[in-house]
C-alpha atoms as a PDB file:
ATOM      1  CA  MET A   1       0.189   0.032   0.298  1.00  0.00           C
ATOM      2  CA  GLU A   2       1.574   3.032  -0.931  1.00  0.00           C
ATOM      3  CA  LYS A   3       2.481   5.234   2.043  1.00  0.00           C
ATOM      4  CA  LEU A   4       0.645   9.553   1.483  1.00  0.00           C
ATOM      5  CA  SER A   5       1.548  12.282   3.525  1.00  0.00           C
ATOM      6  CA  ILE A   6      -1.390  13.744   6.131  1.00  0.00           C
ATOM      7  CA  LYS A   7      -2.112  16.315   3.981  1.00  0.00           C
ATOM      8  CA  SER A   8      -2.075  14.366   0.436  1.00  0.00           C
ATOM      9  CA  ALA A   9      -4.135  12.427   2.410  1.00  0.00           C
ATOM     10  CA  GLU A  10      -6.940  14.849   3.291  1.00  0.00           C
ATOM     11  CA  SER A  11      -6.290  16.571   0.222  1.00  0.00           C
ATOM     12  CA  GLU A  12      -7.231  13.217  -1.469  1.00  0.00           C
ATOM     13  CA  ALA A  13     -10.186  13.166   1.279  1.00  0.00           C
ATOM     14  CA  LEU A  14     -12.030  15.664   0.212  1.00  0.00           C
ATOM     15  CA  GLN A  15     -10.999  15.605  -3.680  1.00  0.00           C
ATOM     16  CA  PHE A  16     -13.415  12.026  -2.785  1.00  0.00           C
ATOM     17  CA  VAL A  17     -16.192  13.931  -0.505  1.00  0.00           C
ATOM     18  CA  ARG A  18     -16.447  16.193  -3.126  1.00  0.00           C
ATOM     19  CA  GLN A  19     -16.840  14.438  -6.129  1.00  0.00           C
ATOM     20  CA  GLY A  20     -19.435  12.174  -3.736  1.00  0.00           C
ATOM     21  CA  ILE A  21     -21.392  15.321  -3.307  1.00  0.00           C
ATOM     22  CA  GLY A  22     -20.907  16.948  -6.429  1.00  0.00           C
ATOM     23  CA  CYS A  23     -22.925  13.302  -8.655  1.00  0.00           C
ATOM     24  CA  ASN A  24     -25.375  14.182  -5.265  1.00  0.00           C
ATOM     25  CA  CYS A  25     -26.470  17.538  -6.569  1.00  0.00           C
ATOM     26  CA  LEU A  26     -26.836  15.445 -10.147  1.00  0.00           C
ATOM     27  CA  VAL A  27     -28.664  13.031  -8.937  1.00  0.00           C
ATOM     28  CA  PHE A  28     -31.304  16.161  -7.517  1.00  0.00           C
ATOM     29  CA  LEU A  29     -31.121  17.662 -10.303  1.00  0.00           C
ATOM     30  CA  SER A  30     -32.172  14.690 -12.538  1.00  0.00           C
ATOM     31  CA  LYS A  31     -35.337  14.367 -10.844  1.00  0.00           C
ATOM     32  CA  SER A  32     -36.602  18.015 -10.765  1.00  0.00           C
ATOM     33  CA  ASP A  33     -38.191  19.666 -13.171  1.00  0.00           C
ATOM     34  CA  LEU A  34     -34.943  21.971 -14.380  1.00  0.00           C
ATOM     35  CA  TRP A  35     -33.458  18.960 -15.630  1.00  0.00           C
ATOM     36  CA  ASP A  36     -34.631  18.928 -18.910  1.00  0.00           C
ATOM     37  CA  ASP A  37     -34.144  22.826 -19.971  1.00  0.00           C
ATOM     38  CA  LEU A  38     -30.510  22.230 -18.166  1.00  0.00           C
ATOM     39  CA  SER A  39     -30.029  19.046 -20.522  1.00  0.00           C
ATOM     40  CA  GLU A  40     -31.456  21.125 -23.671  1.00  0.00           C
ATOM     41  CA  GLY A  41     -29.297  23.836 -23.464  1.00  0.00           C
ATOM     42  CA  LYS A  42     -30.857  26.216 -21.506  1.00  0.00           C
ATOM     43  CA  TYR A  43     -31.188  29.156 -18.932  1.00  0.00           C
ATOM     44  CA  ILE A  44     -32.226  28.327 -15.546  1.00  0.00           C
ATOM     45  CA  PRO A  45     -32.846  31.904 -14.634  1.00  0.00           C
ATOM     46  CA  GLU A  46     -32.559  32.658 -11.172  1.00  0.00           C
ATOM     47  CA  SER A  47     -35.877  34.187 -10.649  1.00  0.00           C
ATOM     48  CA  ARG A  48     -37.241  30.243 -11.301  1.00  0.00           C
ATOM     49  CA  ILE A  49     -35.062  28.928  -8.695  1.00  0.00           C
ATOM     50  CA  LYS A  50     -36.132  31.959  -6.070  1.00  0.00           C
ATOM     51  CA  LYS A  51     -39.910  30.860  -6.421  1.00  0.00           C
ATOM     52  CA  SER A  52     -39.285  27.201  -5.944  1.00  0.00           C
ATOM     53  CA  ASP A  53     -40.277  25.930  -2.427  1.00  0.00           C
ATOM     54  CA  GLN A  54     -37.080  23.780  -3.082  1.00  0.00           C
ATOM     55  CA  TYR A  55     -34.733  27.060  -2.774  1.00  0.00           C
ATOM     56  CA  ALA A  56     -32.027  26.406  -0.343  1.00  0.00           C
ATOM     57  CA  ALA A  57     -31.443  22.806  -2.027  1.00  0.00           C
ATOM     58  CA  TYR A  58     -31.717  24.768  -5.106  1.00  0.00           C
ATOM     59  CA  TYR A  59     -28.786  27.557  -4.383  1.00  0.00           C
ATOM     60  CA  SER A  60     -26.699  24.444  -2.713  1.00  0.00           C
ATOM     61  CA  VAL A  61     -26.872  22.744  -5.855  1.00  0.00           C
ATOM     62  CA  PHE A  62     -26.079  25.059  -8.519  1.00  0.00           C
ATOM     63  CA  SER A  63     -23.156  26.734  -5.893  1.00  0.00           C
ATOM     64  CA  THR A  64     -21.555  23.503  -5.187  1.00  0.00           C
ATOM     65  CA  LEU A  65     -21.969  22.305  -9.453  1.00  0.00           C
ATOM     66  CA  SER A  66     -20.285  26.178 -10.141  1.00  0.00           C
ATOM     67  CA  GLN A  67     -17.422  25.232  -8.240  1.00  0.00           C
ATOM     68  CA  ASP A  68     -17.210  22.367  -9.889  1.00  0.00           C
ATOM     69  CA  GLY A  69     -17.410  23.558 -13.273  1.00  0.00           C
ATOM     70  CA  VAL A  70     -20.728  21.452 -13.667  1.00  0.00           C
ATOM     71  CA  ILE A  71     -23.025  24.556 -14.104  1.00  0.00           C
ATOM     72  CA  SER A  72     -22.261  27.997 -14.637  1.00  0.00           C
ATOM     73  CA  GLN A  73     -23.765  31.528 -14.146  1.00  0.00           C
ATOM     74  CA  SER A  74     -24.056  33.960 -16.134  1.00  0.00           C
ATOM     75  CA  GLU A  75     -26.630  37.810 -16.431  1.00  0.00           C
ATOM     76  CA  GLU A  76     -29.342  34.881 -18.149  1.00  0.00           C
ATOM     77  CA  GLY A  77     -29.279  32.110 -15.325  1.00  0.00           C
ATOM     78  CA  TYR A  78     -27.216  28.824 -14.452  1.00  0.00           C
ATOM     79  CA  ARG A  79     -26.909  25.811 -17.130  1.00  0.00           C
ATOM     80  CA  LEU A  80     -24.690  22.982 -18.100  1.00  0.00           C
ATOM     81  CA  THR A  81     -20.885  23.641 -18.728  1.00  0.00           C
ATOM     82  CA  GLU A  82     -19.405  21.282 -21.498  1.00  0.00           C
ATOM     83  CA  LEU A  83     -18.664  19.063 -18.691  1.00  0.00           C
ATOM     84  CA  GLY A  84     -21.881  19.327 -17.595  1.00  0.00           C
ATOM     85  CA  HIS A  85     -23.040  17.932 -21.131  1.00  0.00           C
ATOM     86  CA  ALA A  86     -20.763  15.170 -20.741  1.00  0.00           C
ATOM     87  CA  LEU A  87     -21.632  13.989 -17.204  1.00  0.00           C
ATOM     88  CA  LYS A  88     -24.990  14.225 -18.396  1.00  0.00           C
ATOM     89  CA  ASP A  89     -24.677  11.522 -20.987  1.00  0.00           C
ATOM     90  CA  TYR A  90     -23.589   9.204 -17.817  1.00  0.00           C
ATOM     91  CA  ILE A  91     -26.689   9.968 -15.688  1.00  0.00           C
ATOM     92  CA  GLY A  92     -28.174   6.810 -15.705  1.00  0.00           C
ATOM     93  CA  LEU A  93     -24.688   5.330 -13.777  1.00  0.00           C
ATOM     94  CA  ILE A  94     -24.660   8.332 -12.039  1.00  0.00           C
ATOM     95  CA  ASN A  95     -28.108   7.535 -10.215  1.00  0.00           C
ATOM     96  CA  MET A  96     -27.409   3.852  -9.567  1.00  0.00           C
END
């Protein structure tokens, strides 16, 4: 077994956790009414998210996925990045 420094092990552990959180965020989105629009390359305006009963969850999901490079935010709203579209093709596997 390869020995890792404590700092390296902590970094790898955090990266693993972030990947899991990102996958959970994608699962949440894929089950939402926003997924079809995102999958089609449409922007989701922030006003649409703010009107939702699940605003806090959406805010966390979009914040996390933005940090991970899966979603981008502009004045028009949120949309999938190239990485997000690539992951979309694996959403069935991610949902398992």
